[in-house]
Amino acid sequence: MKLKSLLLFNIKQNYGIFSVILGVMVLYLSVIINMYDPNGLEELIALAKFKMSSDLLTAFGFDIEKNASLIRLITSYFYGMLIYFVLIIYVIIVGNRMIVEHVNKGTMGYLLSTPHTRTKIAGFQGFFFITGVFLLLMILTIVGIVVSEISFPGLLDIKAFILLNIGMFLLFGMFSGISFFSSCVFNETKNALALGAGLPLFFIIVNILKNVDPSLNFLKNFTIVSLLDSDAIISGGNYFFSFLIMFISSFALYFLGVKLFAKRDLSL
């Protein structure tokens, strides 16, 4: 069996969820961009407050000023929390399919009967996984720039928008790394999901809680979401160190997942 066959299987198994998640993100981002009004966002803010309480708006990051820029609107209404709940679905589902599902169903025995080593198979699956996350955010970045330039030419801070998506990729590199790591170290799907889905969701929920009340701001120390500082990115502040931490952490999680899978006992 060539790795090309495994690639085709992965694409066939995951193109559906990839297409749905991409479609939802593109739709929401396009709608939010076109909600922008260069003359002021009073009507949008009033509508948001009519639908949700002020505390709930703050909790989900939907908190902007009336004269906010287009990048601020996108950051608040899409990258504040909405993208997390959409993209994490892809990470949880696909991450579970990469390794542990094959172990749980017994198909890993077939994969390991080929000339390819465990390290090569796990490494290939990890590369496929993170590439999918990269493609989702790359396409989203392109769509966001195109839609913004069509609807509001010259009003989008393109550099900040690209950096924001790079940061989001690095953050979801960590989320996907957790999911992939758990997929590599457990033999049963339920155990892999407990860690691979539970921990990222915990981080996201903690980030929401810290937004509810200023007195809960200390919770930022308990969630990796805090590493993505959108304010620093937009204002040109210092975000390099956070980017570096996310990159190293993502690489470490994937690397350890592959290494542990190569050495552990499998129940096939």
Protein backbone atom coordinates (compact mmCIF):
# COMPACT_ATOMS: atom_id res chain seq x y z
CA MET A 1 0.00 0.00 0.00
CA LYS A 2 1.38 3.37 -1.02
CA LEU A 3 0.84 6.46 1.09
CA LYS A 4 -1.03 7.84 -1.90
CA SER A 5 -3.79 5.34 -1.16
CA LEU A 6 -3.95 6.53 2.46
CA LEU A 7 -4.08 10.11 1.25
CA LEU A 8 -7.00 9.34 -1.06
CA PHE A 9 -8.78 7.55 1.79
CA ASN A 10 -8.27 10.55 4.09
CA ILE A 11 -9.60 12.94 1.46
CA LYS A 12 -12.62 10.77 0.77
CA GLN A 13 -13.36 10.38 4.48
CA ASN A 14 -12.94 14.05 5.38
CA TYR A 15 -13.83 16.18 2.36
CA GLY A 16 -17.45 16.35 3.57
CA ILE A 17 -16.67 17.86 6.97
CA PHE A 18 -13.98 20.05 5.37
CA SER A 19 -16.49 21.46 2.88
CA VAL A 20 -19.19 22.06 5.49
CA ILE A 21 -16.87 23.81 7.95
CA LEU A 22 -15.32 25.92 5.18
CA GLY A 23 -18.76 26.84 3.83
CA VAL A 24 -20.04 27.89 7.25
CA MET A 25 -16.94 29.99 8.00
CA VAL A 26 -16.95 31.67 4.60
CA LEU A 27 -20.68 32.44 4.88
CA TYR A 28 -20.43 33.93 8.36
CA LEU A 29 -17.32 35.97 7.54
CA SER A 30 -18.89 37.36 4.36
CA VAL A 31 -22.07 38.32 6.23
CA ILE A 32 -20.15 40.02 9.03
CA ILE A 33 -17.98 41.99 6.60
CA ASN A 34 -21.07 43.24 4.80
CA MET A 35 -22.64 44.30 8.09
CA TYR A 36 -19.98 46.99 8.36
CA ASP A 37 -20.95 50.63 7.99
CA PRO A 38 -18.09 53.13 7.50
CA ASN A 39 -20.34 55.88 8.88
CA GLY A 40 -20.76 54.18 12.25
CA LEU A 41 -21.94 50.94 13.81
CA GLU A 42 -24.73 52.29 16.02
CA GLU A 43 -27.45 50.26 14.29
CA LEU A 44 -25.42 47.05 14.39
CA ILE A 45 -24.60 47.47 18.08
CA ALA A 46 -28.23 48.27 18.87
CA LEU A 47 -29.37 45.16 16.98
CA ALA A 48 -26.83 42.99 18.79
CA LYS A 49 -27.96 44.31 22.17
CA PHE A 50 -31.58 43.66 21.21
CA LYS A 51 -30.73 40.01 20.53
CA MET A 52 -28.32 39.42 23.43
CA SER A 53 -27.60 40.94 26.83
CA SER A 54 -24.52 43.15 27.25
CA ASP A 55 -22.86 40.54 29.47
CA LEU A 56 -23.43 37.83 26.88
CA LEU A 57 -22.09 40.04 24.10
CA THR A 58 -18.94 40.69 26.11
CA ALA A 59 -18.55 37.00 26.98
CA PHE A 60 -18.52 36.04 23.31
CA GLY A 61 -16.27 38.92 22.30
CA PHE A 62 -19.00 40.90 20.51
CA ASP A 63 -17.84 44.15 22.06
CA ILE A 64 -16.91 47.03 19.75
CA GLU A 65 -17.07 50.81 19.65
CA LYS A 66 -19.44 52.72 17.41
CA ASN A 67 -16.59 54.02 15.23
CA ALA A 68 -14.71 50.70 15.06
CA SER A 69 -12.70 49.88 11.96
CA LEU A 70 -13.51 46.99 9.64
CA ILE A 71 -10.70 44.84 11.07
CA ARG A 72 -12.02 45.49 14.59
CA LEU A 73 -15.51 44.41 13.56
CA ILE A 74 -14.22 41.21 11.96
CA THR A 75 -12.00 40.46 14.95
CA SER A 76 -14.81 40.97 17.43
CA TYR A 77 -17.75 39.36 15.62
CA PHE A 78 -15.96 36.51 13.87
CA TYR A 79 -12.55 35.89 15.43
CA GLY A 80 -13.73 36.74 18.93
CA MET A 81 -15.42 33.38 19.58
CA LEU A 82 -17.48 32.34 16.57
CA ILE A 83 -14.60 30.81 14.62
CA TYR A 84 -13.57 28.73 17.64
CA PHE A 85 -16.88 26.89 17.87
CA VAL A 86 -16.91 26.19 14.12
CA LEU A 87 -13.29 25.20 13.52
CA ILE A 88 -13.01 23.11 16.70
CA ILE A 89 -15.65 20.76 15.24
CA TYR A 90 -13.30 19.99 12.34
CA VAL A 91 -10.37 19.49 14.71
CA ILE A 92 -12.27 17.08 16.96
CA ILE A 93 -13.79 14.97 14.19
CA VAL A 94 -10.79 14.73 11.89
CA GLY A 95 -8.27 14.41 14.72
CA ASN A 96 -10.12 11.36 16.00
CA ARG A 97 -10.03 9.79 12.54
CA MET A 98 -6.29 10.12 12.04
CA ILE A 99 -5.01 7.36 14.34
CA VAL A 100 -7.28 6.11 17.13
CA GLU A 101 -10.21 5.30 14.86
CA HIS A 102 -7.97 3.01 12.83
CA VAL A 103 -6.77 1.35 16.04
CA ASN A 104 -10.29 1.04 17.41
CA LYS A 105 -11.66 -0.47 14.20
CA GLY A 106 -8.66 -2.74 13.60
CA THR A 107 -7.70 -1.16 10.29
CA MET A 108 -4.41 -0.02 11.80
CA GLY A 109 -3.24 -3.64 11.58
CA TYR A 110 -3.69 -3.47 7.81
CA LEU A 111 -1.78 -0.17 7.62
CA LEU A 112 1.09 -1.61 9.67
CA SER A 113 1.28 -4.70 7.48
CA THR A 114 2.56 -2.46 4.69
CA PRO A 115 6.28 -1.63 4.33
CA HIS A 116 5.71 1.71 6.08
CA THR A 117 6.82 2.16 9.69
CA ARG A 118 4.58 3.42 12.48
CA THR A 119 6.51 6.67 12.51
CA LYS A 120 5.94 7.22 8.81
CA ILE A 121 2.23 6.43 8.99
CA ALA A 122 1.61 8.59 12.05
CA GLY A 123 3.75 11.40 10.63
CA PHE A 124 1.83 11.27 7.37
CA GLN A 125 -1.50 11.42 9.22
CA GLY A 126 -0.31 14.33 11.32
CA PHE A 127 0.82 16.21 8.22
CA PHE A 128 -2.55 15.61 6.54
CA PHE A 129 -4.35 16.87 9.64
CA ILE A 130 -2.45 20.12 10.06
CA THR A 131 -2.53 20.75 6.30
CA GLY A 132 -6.34 20.62 6.42
CA VAL A 133 -6.39 23.27 9.16
CA PHE A 134 -3.96 25.39 7.15
CA LEU A 135 -6.06 25.16 3.98
CA LEU A 136 -9.25 26.13 5.83
CA LEU A 137 -7.66 29.28 7.23
CA MET A 138 -5.78 30.12 4.03
CA ILE A 139 -8.98 30.00 1.98
CA LEU A 140 -10.80 31.98 4.67
CA THR A 141 -8.07 34.63 4.56
CA ILE A 142 -8.32 34.97 0.79
CA VAL A 143 -12.12 35.16 0.89
CA GLY A 144 -12.03 37.75 3.66
CA ILE A 145 -9.67 40.00 1.71
CA VAL A 146 -11.59 39.62 -1.57
CA VAL A 147 -15.01 40.28 0.00
CA SER A 148 -13.68 43.27 1.94
CA GLU A 149 -12.04 44.80 -1.13
CA ILE A 150 -15.21 44.34 -3.16
CA SER A 151 -17.55 45.74 -0.50
CA PHE A 152 -15.27 48.31 1.16
CA PRO A 153 -12.19 48.96 -0.99
CA GLY A 154 -9.15 50.01 0.99
CA LEU A 155 -10.82 49.85 4.41
CA LEU A 156 -9.45 46.49 5.55
CA ASP A 157 -6.07 46.42 7.27
CA ILE A 158 -4.86 43.49 5.16
CA LYS A 159 -1.57 43.05 7.01
CA ALA A 160 -3.34 42.77 10.37
CA PHE A 161 -5.95 40.44 8.88
CA ILE A 162 -3.26 38.10 7.51
CA LEU A 163 -1.38 38.16 10.82
CA LEU A 164 -4.61 37.45 12.67
CA ASN A 165 -5.15 34.35 10.55
CA ILE A 166 -1.54 33.25 11.02
CA GLY A 167 -2.09 33.53 14.75
CA MET A 168 -5.34 31.59 14.47
CA PHE A 169 -3.52 28.86 12.54
CA LEU A 170 -0.85 28.63 15.24
CA LEU A 171 -3.49 28.49 17.97
CA PHE A 172 -5.40 25.76 16.17
CA GLY A 173 -2.09 24.08 15.56
CA MET A 174 -2.05 23.66 19.33
CA PHE A 175 -5.70 22.55 19.48
CA SER A 176 -5.17 20.08 16.65
CA GLY A 177 -1.89 18.99 18.27
CA ILE A 178 -3.78 18.09 21.44
CA SER A 179 -6.35 16.17 19.40
CA PHE A 180 -3.68 14.37 17.37
CA PHE A 181 -1.61 13.56 20.46
CA SER A 182 -4.64 12.00 22.18
CA SER A 183 -5.44 10.07 19.00
CA CYS A 184 -1.92 8.64 19.07
CA VAL A 185 -1.76 7.59 22.73
CA PHE A 186 -5.18 5.98 23.28
CA ASN A 187 -6.59 2.73 21.92
CA GLU A 188 -10.26 3.67 22.34
CA THR A 189 -12.12 6.55 20.74
CA LYS A 190 -13.92 7.56 23.94
CA ASN A 191 -10.64 8.06 25.77
CA ALA A 192 -9.08 9.98 22.89
CA LEU A 193 -12.11 12.28 22.70
CA ALA A 194 -12.08 12.87 26.45
CA LEU A 195 -8.67 14.53 26.11
CA GLY A 196 -8.60 15.57 22.45
CA ALA A 197 -12.01 17.26 22.57
CA GLY A 198 -12.35 17.95 26.29
CA LEU A 199 -9.17 19.97 26.77
CA PRO A 200 -9.63 22.35 23.78
CA LEU A 201 -13.28 22.92 24.74
CA PHE A 202 -12.18 23.61 28.31
CA PHE A 203 -9.75 26.26 27.09
CA ILE A 204 -12.45 27.90 24.95
CA ILE A 205 -15.01 27.92 27.77
CA VAL A 206 -12.49 29.37 30.24
CA ASN A 207 -11.79 32.16 27.75
CA ILE A 208 -15.51 32.95 27.62
CA LEU A 209 -15.75 33.00 31.41
CA LYS A 210 -12.86 35.45 31.76
CA ASN A 211 -14.75 37.86 29.50
CA VAL A 212 -17.89 37.76 31.64
CA ASP A 213 -16.49 39.64 34.62
CA PRO A 214 -13.28 41.69 35.01
CA SER A 215 -12.71 39.93 38.34
CA LEU A 216 -12.30 36.67 36.41
CA ASN A 217 -9.52 38.03 34.25
CA PHE A 218 -7.04 35.81 36.11
CA LEU A 219 -8.54 32.88 34.18
CA LYS A 220 -6.51 33.99 31.16
CA ASN A 221 -3.62 32.14 32.80
CA PHE A 222 -5.55 28.88 32.43
CA THR A 223 -6.31 28.99 28.72
CA ILE A 224 -4.04 28.88 25.68
CA VAL A 225 -6.53 31.09 23.82
CA SER A 226 -4.93 34.04 25.63
CA LEU A 227 -1.80 33.50 23.54
CA LEU A 228 -3.61 34.98 20.55
CA ASP A 229 -3.63 38.70 21.34
CA SER A 230 -5.71 40.28 18.59
CA ASP A 231 -5.29 43.77 20.07
CA ALA A 232 -1.51 43.49 19.85
CA ILE A 233 -1.75 42.28 16.24
CA ILE A 234 -4.06 45.11 15.15
CA SER A 235 -2.20 47.86 17.00
CA GLY A 236 1.25 46.63 15.94
CA GLY A 237 2.23 45.52 19.43
CA ASN A 238 4.46 42.64 20.49
CA TYR A 239 2.97 39.32 19.41
CA PHE A 240 6.12 37.52 18.21
CA PHE A 241 6.80 35.74 21.49
CA SER A 242 3.24 34.38 21.66
CA PHE A 243 3.47 33.21 18.06
CA LEU A 244 6.75 31.45 18.87
CA ILE A 245 5.24 29.69 21.91
CA MET A 246 2.28 28.47 19.85
CA PHE A 247 4.54 27.23 17.05
CA ILE A 248 6.86 25.32 19.39
CA SER A 249 3.95 23.87 21.36
CA SER A 250 2.18 22.72 18.19
CA PHE A 251 5.31 21.08 16.83
CA ALA A 252 6.01 19.41 20.17
CA LEU A 253 2.49 17.95 20.43
CA TYR A 254 2.62 16.45 16.93
CA PHE A 255 6.19 15.21 17.41
CA LEU A 256 5.43 13.56 20.76
CA GLY A 257 2.26 12.03 19.37
CA VAL A 258 4.18 10.35 16.54
CA LYS A 259 6.99 9.18 18.85
CA LEU A 260 4.65 7.71 21.47
CA PHE A 261 2.56 5.97 18.83
CA ALA A 262 5.71 4.39 17.37
CA LYS A 263 6.71 2.90 20.73
CA ARG A 264 3.51 1.92 22.53
CA ASP A 265 1.62 -1.37 22.55
CA LEU A 266 -1.43 -1.54 20.32
CA SER A 267 -4.60 -3.56 20.88
CA LEU A 268 -5.27 -4.67 17.30
